[in-house]
């Protein structure tokens, strides 16, 4: 995932985005198979609603006891060597 998406994923985002024109593969029409056809989709606007999905904050919170343990161990080693 590119870095510029991480904030949107972490905190959520609601905004209007522009979808570029593109080709879409269509295999069904009215619930029936029509083989595979490519259809041109024009540029259009779409409402983007990303819910908040914390992956960084929750991971850091879960790792807090481990961080404290490592810091204590390193401090103990440094105190013993000085």
PDB file of N, CA and C in Angstrom:
ATOM      1  N   UNK A   1       0.850  -1.171   0.000  1.00  0.00           N
ATOM      2  CA  UNK A   1       0.000   0.000   0.000  1.00  0.00           C
ATOM      3  C   UNK A   1       0.896   1.234   0.000  1.00  0.00           C
ATOM      4  N   UNK A   2       0.709   2.143  -0.959  1.00  0.00           N
ATOM      5  CA  UNK A   2       1.520   3.359  -0.959  1.00  0.00           C
ATOM      6  C   UNK A   2       1.313   4.161   0.324  1.00  0.00           C
ATOM      7  N   UNK A   3       2.338   4.911   0.709  1.00  0.00           N
ATOM      8  CA  UNK A   3       2.315   5.658   1.968  1.00  0.00           C
ATOM      9  C   UNK A   3       1.201   6.692   2.020  1.00  0.00           C
ATOM     10  N   UNK A   4       0.810   7.273   0.888  1.00  0.00           N
ATOM     11  CA  UNK A   4      -0.202   8.322   0.928  1.00  0.00           C
ATOM     12  C   UNK A   4      -1.599   7.764   1.221  1.00  0.00           C
ATOM     13  N   UNK A   5      -1.790   6.450   1.199  1.00  0.00           N
ATOM     14  CA  UNK A   5      -3.067   5.854   1.576  1.00  0.00           C
ATOM     15  C   UNK A   5      -3.143   5.542   3.071  1.00  0.00           C
ATOM     16  N   UNK A   6      -2.013   5.510   3.752  1.00  0.00           N
ATOM     17  CA  UNK A   6      -2.013   5.036   5.136  1.00  0.00           C
ATOM     18  C   UNK A   6      -2.839   5.928   6.054  1.00  0.00           C
ATOM     19  N   UNK A   7      -2.787   7.240   5.879  1.00  0.00           N
ATOM     20  CA  UNK A   7      -3.589   8.133   6.715  1.00  0.00           C
ATOM     21  C   UNK A   7      -5.068   7.921   6.517  1.00  0.00           C
ATOM     22  N   UNK A   8      -5.481   7.727   5.269  1.00  0.00           N
ATOM     23  CA  UNK A   8      -6.895   7.474   4.976  1.00  0.00           C
ATOM     24  C   UNK A   8      -7.351   6.163   5.590  1.00  0.00           C
ATOM     25  N   UNK A   9      -6.512   5.146   5.551  1.00  0.00           N
ATOM     26  CA  UNK A   9      -6.870   3.857   6.131  1.00  0.00           C
ATOM     27  C   UNK A   9      -6.899   3.934   7.655  1.00  0.00           C
ATOM     28  N   UNK A  10      -5.949   4.636   8.246  1.00  0.00           N
ATOM     29  CA  UNK A  10      -5.846   4.710   9.709  1.00  0.00           C
ATOM     30  C   UNK A  10      -6.999   5.504  10.311  1.00  0.00           C
ATOM     31  N   UNK A  11      -7.304   6.662   9.734  1.00  0.00           N
ATOM     32  CA  UNK A  11      -8.284   7.567  10.326  1.00  0.00           C
ATOM     33  C   UNK A  11      -9.623   7.617   9.591  1.00  0.00           C
ATOM     34  N   UNK A  12      -9.721   6.977   8.434  1.00  0.00           N
ATOM     35  CA  UNK A  12     -10.952   7.019   7.655  1.00  0.00           C
ATOM     36  C   UNK A  12     -11.010   8.283   6.809  1.00  0.00           C
ATOM     37  N   UNK A  13     -11.871   8.276   5.800  1.00  0.00           N
ATOM     38  CA  UNK A  13     -11.992   9.450   4.933  1.00  0.00           C
ATOM     39  C   UNK A  13     -13.321   9.398   4.199  1.00  0.00           C
ATOM     40  N   UNK A  14     -13.968  10.551   4.102  1.00  0.00           N
ATOM     41  CA  UNK A  14     -15.182  10.704   3.319  1.00  0.00           C
ATOM     42  C   UNK A  14     -14.966  11.889   2.390  1.00  0.00           C
ATOM     43  N   UNK A  15     -14.920  11.611   1.084  1.00  0.00           N
ATOM     44  CA  UNK A  15     -14.758  12.695   0.119  1.00  0.00           C
ATOM     45  C   UNK A  15     -15.197  12.242  -1.265  1.00  0.00           C
ATOM     46  N   UNK A  16     -15.400  13.204  -2.137  1.00  0.00           N
ATOM     47  CA  UNK A  16     -15.791  12.950  -3.518  1.00  0.00           C
ATOM     48  C   UNK A  16     -14.521  12.792  -4.341  1.00  0.00           C
ATOM     49  N   UNK A  17     -14.403  11.688  -5.077  1.00  0.00           N
ATOM     50  CA  UNK A  17     -13.218  11.426  -5.899  1.00  0.00           C
ATOM     51  C   UNK A  17     -13.628  11.276  -7.357  1.00  0.00           C
ATOM     52  N   UNK A  18     -12.686  11.521  -8.248  1.00  0.00           N
ATOM     53  CA  UNK A  18     -12.919  11.355  -9.685  1.00  0.00           C
ATOM     54  C   UNK A  18     -12.341  10.019 -10.124  1.00  0.00           C
ATOM     55  N   UNK A  19     -13.176   9.197 -10.756  1.00  0.00           N
ATOM     56  CA  UNK A  19     -12.738   7.912 -11.296  1.00  0.00           C
ATOM     57  C   UNK A  19     -12.417   8.134 -12.768  1.00  0.00           C
ATOM     58  N   UNK A  20     -11.184   7.793 -13.161  1.00  0.00           N
ATOM     59  CA  UNK A  20     -10.783   7.989 -14.555  1.00  0.00           C
ATOM     60  C   UNK A  20     -11.553   7.055 -15.487  1.00  0.00           C
ATOM     61  N   UNK A  21     -11.638   7.415 -16.756  1.00  0.00           N
ATOM     62  CA  UNK A  21     -12.245   6.553 -17.768  1.00  0.00           C
ATOM     63  C   UNK A  21     -11.416   5.276 -17.866  1.00  0.00           C
ATOM     64  N   UNK A  22     -12.100   4.155 -18.024  1.00  0.00           N
ATOM     65  CA  UNK A  22     -11.391   2.872 -18.080  1.00  0.00           C
ATOM     66  C   UNK A  22     -12.246   1.831 -18.790  1.00  0.00           C
ATOM     67  N   UNK A  23     -11.626   0.682 -19.113  1.00  0.00           N
ATOM     68  CA  UNK A  23     -12.342  -0.437 -19.712  1.00  0.00           C
ATOM     69  C   UNK A  23     -12.775  -1.397 -18.611  1.00  0.00           C
ATOM     70  N   UNK A  24     -13.993  -1.892 -18.705  1.00  0.00           N
ATOM     71  CA  UNK A  24     -14.499  -2.861 -17.752  1.00  0.00           C
ATOM     72  C   UNK A  24     -14.859  -4.129 -18.511  1.00  0.00           C
ATOM     73  N   UNK A  25     -14.527  -5.268 -17.944  1.00  0.00           N
ATOM     74  CA  UNK A  25     -14.869  -6.557 -18.522  1.00  0.00           C
ATOM     75  C   UNK A  25     -16.249  -6.970 -18.017  1.00  0.00           C
ATOM     76  N   UNK A  26     -17.177  -7.224 -18.933  1.00  0.00           N
ATOM     77  CA  UNK A  26     -18.531  -7.618 -18.559  1.00  0.00           C
ATOM     78  C   UNK A  26     -18.740  -9.072 -18.970  1.00  0.00           C
ATOM     79  N   UNK A  27     -19.209  -9.897 -18.024  1.00  0.00           N
ATOM     80  CA  UNK A  27     -19.439 -11.317 -18.297  1.00  0.00           C
ATOM     81  C   UNK A  27     -20.895 -11.716 -18.124  1.00  0.00           C
ATOM     82  N   UNK A  28     -21.664 -10.874 -17.401  1.00  0.00           N
ATOM     83  CA  UNK A  28     -23.079 -11.158 -17.169  1.00  0.00           C
ATOM     84  C   UNK A  28     -23.917  -9.957 -17.569  1.00  0.00           C
ATOM     85  N   UNK A  29     -25.088 -10.220 -18.125  1.00  0.00           N
ATOM     86  CA  UNK A  29     -26.060  -9.169 -18.412  1.00  0.00           C
ATOM     87  C   UNK A  29     -27.426  -9.704 -17.999  1.00  0.00           C
ATOM     88  N   UNK A  30     -28.072  -9.016 -17.093  1.00  0.00           N
ATOM     89  CA  UNK A  30     -29.383  -9.428 -16.578  1.00  0.00           C
ATOM     90  C   UNK A  30     -29.343 -10.846 -16.019  1.00  0.00           C
ATOM     91  N   UNK A  31     -28.218 -11.187 -15.363  1.00  0.00           N
ATOM     92  CA  UNK A  31     -28.077 -12.484 -14.725  1.00  0.00           C
ATOM     93  C   UNK A  31     -27.727 -13.625 -15.659  1.00  0.00           C
ATOM     94  N   UNK A  32     -27.488 -13.332 -16.930  1.00  0.00           N
ATOM     95  CA  UNK A  32     -27.165 -14.390 -17.896  1.00  0.00           C
ATOM     96  C   UNK A  32     -25.777 -14.164 -18.461  1.00  0.00           C
ATOM     97  N   UNK A  33     -25.064 -15.247 -18.726  1.00  0.00           N
ATOM     98  CA  UNK A  33     -23.723 -15.170 -19.268  1.00  0.00           C
ATOM     99  C   UNK A  33     -23.753 -14.657 -20.704  1.00  0.00           C
ATOM    100  N   UNK A  34     -22.874 -13.703 -21.020  1.00  0.00           N
ATOM    101  CA  UNK A  34     -22.799 -13.168 -22.376  1.00  0.00           C
ATOM    102  C   UNK A  34     -21.387 -13.328 -22.936  1.00  0.00           C
ATOM    103  N   UNK A  35     -20.605 -14.208 -22.342  1.00  0.00           N
ATOM    104  CA  UNK A  35     -19.201 -14.326 -22.738  1.00  0.00           C
ATOM    105  C   UNK A  35     -18.446 -13.191 -22.083  1.00  0.00           C
ATOM    106  N   UNK A  36     -17.372 -12.750 -22.690  1.00  0.00           N
ATOM    107  CA  UNK A  36     -16.589 -11.651 -22.138  1.00  0.00           C
ATOM    108  C   UNK A  36     -16.543 -10.518 -23.141  1.00  0.00           C
ATOM    109  N   UNK A  37     -16.972  -9.343 -22.705  1.00  0.00           N
ATOM    110  CA  UNK A  37     -16.946  -8.157 -23.549  1.00  0.00           C
ATOM    111  C   UNK A  37     -16.327  -7.014 -22.759  1.00  0.00           C
ATOM    112  N   UNK A  38     -15.653  -6.128 -23.466  1.00  0.00           N
ATOM    113  CA  UNK A  38     -15.092  -4.956 -22.824  1.00  0.00           C
ATOM    114  C   UNK A  38     -15.989  -3.762 -23.101  1.00  0.00           C
ATOM    115  N   UNK A  39     -16.268  -3.001 -22.065  1.00  0.00           N
ATOM    116  CA  UNK A  39     -17.140  -1.835 -22.158  1.00  0.00           C
ATOM    117  C   UNK A  39     -16.363  -0.630 -21.658  1.00  0.00           C
ATOM    118  N   UNK A  40     -16.479   0.488 -22.364  1.00  0.00           N
ATOM    119  CA  UNK A  40     -15.812   1.726 -21.944  1.00  0.00           C
ATOM    120  C   UNK A  40     -16.652   2.410 -20.876  1.00  0.00           C
ATOM    121  N   UNK A  41     -16.039   2.720 -19.738  1.00  0.00           N
ATOM    122  CA  UNK A  41     -16.707   3.443 -18.658  1.00  0.00           C
ATOM    123  C   UNK A  41     -16.166   4.862 -18.672  1.00  0.00           C
ATOM    124  N   UNK A  42     -17.051   5.844 -18.744  1.00  0.00           N
ATOM    125  CA  UNK A  42     -16.634   7.245 -18.792  1.00  0.00           C
ATOM    126  C   UNK A  42     -16.143   7.713 -17.424  1.00  0.00           C
ATOM    127  N   UNK A  43     -15.404   8.804 -17.432  1.00  0.00           N
ATOM    128  CA  UNK A  43     -14.959   9.414 -16.184  1.00  0.00           C
ATOM    129  C   UNK A  43     -16.188   9.847 -15.400  1.00  0.00           C
ATOM    130  N   UNK A  44     -16.163   9.623 -14.076  1.00  0.00           N
ATOM    131  CA  UNK A  44     -17.301   9.999 -13.247  1.00  0.00           C
ATOM    132  C   UNK A  44     -16.846  10.288 -11.819  1.00  0.00           C
ATOM    133  N   UNK A  45     -17.743  10.865 -11.040  1.00  0.00           N
ATOM    134  CA  UNK A  45     -17.490  11.179  -9.633  1.00  0.00           C
ATOM    135  C   UNK A  45     -18.055  10.055  -8.766  1.00  0.00           C
ATOM    136  N   UNK A  46     -17.367   9.780  -7.658  1.00  0.00           N
ATOM    137  CA  UNK A  46     -17.807   8.728  -6.749  1.00  0.00           C
ATOM    138  C   UNK A  46     -17.548   9.181  -5.322  1.00  0.00           C
ATOM    139  N   UNK A  47     -18.477   8.921  -4.425  1.00  0.00           N
ATOM    140  CA  UNK A  47     -18.288   9.234  -3.021  1.00  0.00           C
ATOM    141  C   UNK A  47     -17.454   8.134  -2.378  1.00  0.00           C
ATOM    142  N   UNK A  48     -16.300   8.510  -1.806  1.00  0.00           N
ATOM    143  CA  UNK A  48     -15.429   7.544  -1.146  1.00  0.00           C
ATOM    144  C   UNK A  48     -15.724   7.596   0.354  1.00  0.00           C
ATOM    145  N   UNK A  49     -16.096   6.472   0.941  1.00  0.00           N
ATOM    146  CA  UNK A  49     -16.368   6.373   2.365  1.00  0.00           C
ATOM    147  C   UNK A  49     -15.503   5.264   2.945  1.00  0.00           C
ATOM    148  N   UNK A  50     -14.325   5.629   3.420  1.00  0.00           N
ATOM    149  CA  UNK A  50     -13.443   4.648   4.050  1.00  0.00           C
ATOM    150  C   UNK A  50     -13.649   4.708   5.553  1.00  0.00           C
ATOM    151  N   UNK A  51     -14.014   3.600   6.178  1.00  0.00           N
ATOM    152  CA  UNK A  51     -14.149   3.614   7.633  1.00  0.00           C
ATOM    153  C   UNK A  51     -12.765   3.620   8.285  1.00  0.00           C
ATOM    154  N   UNK A  52     -12.710   4.067   9.521  1.00  0.00           N
ATOM    155  CA  UNK A  52     -11.449   4.062  10.258  1.00  0.00           C
ATOM    156  C   UNK A  52     -11.031   2.628  10.514  1.00  0.00           C
ATOM    157  N   UNK A  53      -9.800   2.294  10.132  1.00  0.00           N
ATOM    158  CA  UNK A  53      -9.247   0.944  10.348  1.00  0.00           C
ATOM    159  C   UNK A  53      -7.853   1.111  10.929  1.00  0.00           C
ATOM    160  N   UNK A  54      -7.791   1.197  12.238  1.00  0.00           N
ATOM    161  CA  UNK A  54      -6.510   1.432  12.887  1.00  0.00           C
ATOM    162  C   UNK A  54      -5.618   0.206  12.766  1.00  0.00           C
ATOM    163  N   UNK A  55      -4.465   0.382  12.159  1.00  0.00           N
ATOM    164  CA  UNK A  55      -3.473  -0.695  12.130  1.00  0.00           C
ATOM    165  C   UNK A  55      -2.185  -0.240  12.797  1.00  0.00           C
ATOM    166  N   UNK A  56      -1.855   1.039  12.719  1.00  0.00           N
ATOM    167  CA  UNK A  56      -0.636   1.526  13.354  1.00  0.00           C
ATOM    168  C   UNK A  56      -0.852   1.788  14.844  1.00  0.00           C
ATOM    169  N   UNK A  57      -1.898   2.551  15.167  1.00  0.00           N
ATOM    170  CA  UNK A  57      -2.132   2.894  16.576  1.00  0.00           C
ATOM    171  C   UNK A  57      -2.410   1.664  17.416  1.00  0.00           C
ATOM    172  N   UNK A  58      -3.221   0.744  16.910  1.00  0.00           N
ATOM    173  CA  UNK A  58      -3.537  -0.458  17.686  1.00  0.00           C
ATOM    174  C   UNK A  58      -2.311  -1.358  17.828  1.00  0.00           C
ATOM    175  N   UNK A  59      -1.474  -1.429  16.798  1.00  0.00           N
ATOM    176  CA  UNK A  59      -0.250  -2.234  16.888  1.00  0.00           C
ATOM    177  C   UNK A  59       0.717  -1.653  17.903  1.00  0.00           C
ATOM    178  N   UNK A  60       0.863  -0.333  17.901  1.00  0.00           N
ATOM    179  CA  UNK A  60       1.760   0.306  18.865  1.00  0.00           C
ATOM    180  C   UNK A  60       1.242   0.102  20.293  1.00  0.00           C
ATOM    181  N   UNK A  61      -0.060   0.177  20.488  1.00  0.00           N
ATOM    182  CA  UNK A  61      -0.649  -0.040  21.808  1.00  0.00           C
ATOM    183  C   UNK A  61      -0.416  -1.482  22.258  1.00  0.00           C
ATOM    184  N   UNK A  62      -0.555  -2.437  21.350  1.00  0.00           N
ATOM    185  CA  UNK A  62      -0.341  -3.845  21.689  1.00  0.00           C
ATOM    186  C   UNK A  62       1.124  -4.134  22.008  1.00  0.00           C
ATOM    187  N   UNK A  63       2.041  -3.367  21.411  1.00  0.00           N
ATOM    188  CA  UNK A  63       3.466  -3.613  21.615  1.00  0.00           C
ATOM    189  C   UNK A  63       4.041  -2.844  22.803  1.00  0.00           C
ATOM    190  N   UNK A  64       3.249  -2.035  23.503  1.00  0.00           N
ATOM    191  CA  UNK A  64       3.745  -1.227  24.617  1.00  0.00           C
ATOM    192  C   UNK A  64       4.405  -2.075  25.707  1.00  0.00           C
ATOM    193  N   UNK A  65       3.830  -3.212  26.137  1.00  0.00           N
ATOM    194  CA  UNK A  65       4.513  -4.017  27.159  1.00  0.00           C
ATOM    195  C   UNK A  65       5.866  -4.555  26.669  1.00  0.00           C
ATOM    196  N   UNK A  66       5.948  -4.936  25.418  1.00  0.00           N
ATOM    197  CA  UNK A  66       7.202  -5.434  24.863  1.00  0.00           C
ATOM    198  C   UNK A  66       8.246  -4.325  24.824  1.00  0.00           C
ATOM    199  N   UNK A  67       7.825  -3.130  24.434  1.00  0.00           N
ATOM    200  CA  UNK A  67       8.735  -1.988  24.388  1.00  0.00           C
ATOM    201  C   UNK A  67       9.279  -1.695  25.786  1.00  0.00           C
ATOM    202  N   UNK A  68       8.398  -1.701  26.791  1.00  0.00           N
ATOM    203  CA  UNK A  68       8.838  -1.438  28.170  1.00  0.00           C
ATOM    204  C   UNK A  68       9.821  -2.504  28.635  1.00  0.00           C
ATOM    205  N   UNK A  69       9.575  -3.764  28.293  1.00  0.00           N
ATOM    206  CA  UNK A  69      10.469  -4.856  28.672  1.00  0.00           C
ATOM    207  C   UNK A  69      11.854  -4.676  28.046  1.00  0.00           C
ATOM    208  N   UNK A  70      11.886  -4.346  26.753  1.00  0.00           N
ATOM    209  CA  UNK A  70      13.157  -4.169  26.040  1.00  0.00           C
ATOM    210  C   UNK A  70      13.919  -2.974  26.601  1.00  0.00           C
ATOM    211  N   UNK A  71      13.209  -1.866  26.850  1.00  0.00           N
ATOM    212  CA  UNK A  71      13.874  -0.683  27.410  1.00  0.00           C
ATOM    213  C   UNK A  71      14.465  -0.995  28.788  1.00  0.00           C
ATOM    214  N   UNK A  72      13.734  -1.754  29.600  1.00  0.00           N
ATOM    215  CA  UNK A  72      14.236  -2.140  30.919  1.00  0.00           C
ATOM    216  C   UNK A  72      15.462  -3.034  30.816  1.00  0.00           C
ATOM    217  N   UNK A  73      15.434  -3.964  29.894  1.00  0.00           N
ATOM    218  CA  UNK A  73      16.559  -4.878  29.724  1.00  0.00           C
ATOM    219  C   UNK A  73      17.802  -4.132  29.247  1.00  0.00           C
ATOM    220  N   UNK A  74      17.617  -3.217  28.290  1.00  0.00           N
ATOM    221  CA  UNK A  74      18.752  -2.437  27.779  1.00  0.00           C
ATOM    222  C   UNK A  74      19.297  -1.547  28.889  1.00  0.00           C
ATOM    223  N   UNK A  75      18.402  -0.898  29.659  1.00  0.00           N
ATOM    224  CA  UNK A  75      18.856  -0.055  30.765  1.00  0.00           C
ATOM    225  C   UNK A  75      19.633  -0.872  31.790  1.00  0.00           C
ATOM    226  N   UNK A  76      19.186  -2.100  32.075  1.00  0.00           N
ATOM    227  CA  UNK A  76      19.891  -2.972  33.012  1.00  0.00           C
ATOM    228  C   UNK A  76      21.272  -3.340  32.512  1.00  0.00           C
ATOM    229  N   UNK A  77      21.387  -3.612  31.240  1.00  0.00           N
ATOM    230  CA  UNK A  77      22.682  -3.956  30.651  1.00  0.00           C
ATOM    231  C   UNK A  77      23.622  -2.753  30.694  1.00  0.00           C
ATOM    232  N   UNK A  78      23.095  -1.581  30.366  1.00  0.00           N
ATOM    233  CA  UNK A  78      23.933  -0.376  30.381  1.00  0.00           C
ATOM    234  C   UNK A  78      24.389  -0.038  31.801  1.00  0.00           C
ATOM    235  N   UNK A  79      23.504  -0.205  32.781  1.00  0.00           N
ATOM    236  CA  UNK A  79      23.870   0.061  34.181  1.00  0.00           C
ATOM    237  C   UNK A  79      24.954  -0.911  34.642  1.00  0.00           C
ATOM    238  N   UNK A  80      24.883  -2.148  34.204  1.00  0.00           N
ATOM    239  CA  UNK A  80      25.856  -3.168  34.623  1.00  0.00           C
ATOM    240  C   UNK A  80      27.223  -2.921  34.004  1.00  0.00           C
ATOM    241  N   UNK A  81      27.256  -2.345  32.812  1.00  0.00           N
ATOM    242  CA  UNK A  81      28.540  -2.142  32.129  1.00  0.00           C
ATOM    243  C   UNK A  81      29.207  -0.842  32.540  1.00  0.00           C
ATOM    244  N   UNK A  82      28.457   0.097  33.094  1.00  0.00           N
ATOM    245  CA  UNK A  82      29.047   1.388  33.472  1.00  0.00           C
ATOM    246  C   UNK A  82      29.570   1.340  34.836  1.00  0.00           C
TER     247      UNK A  82
END
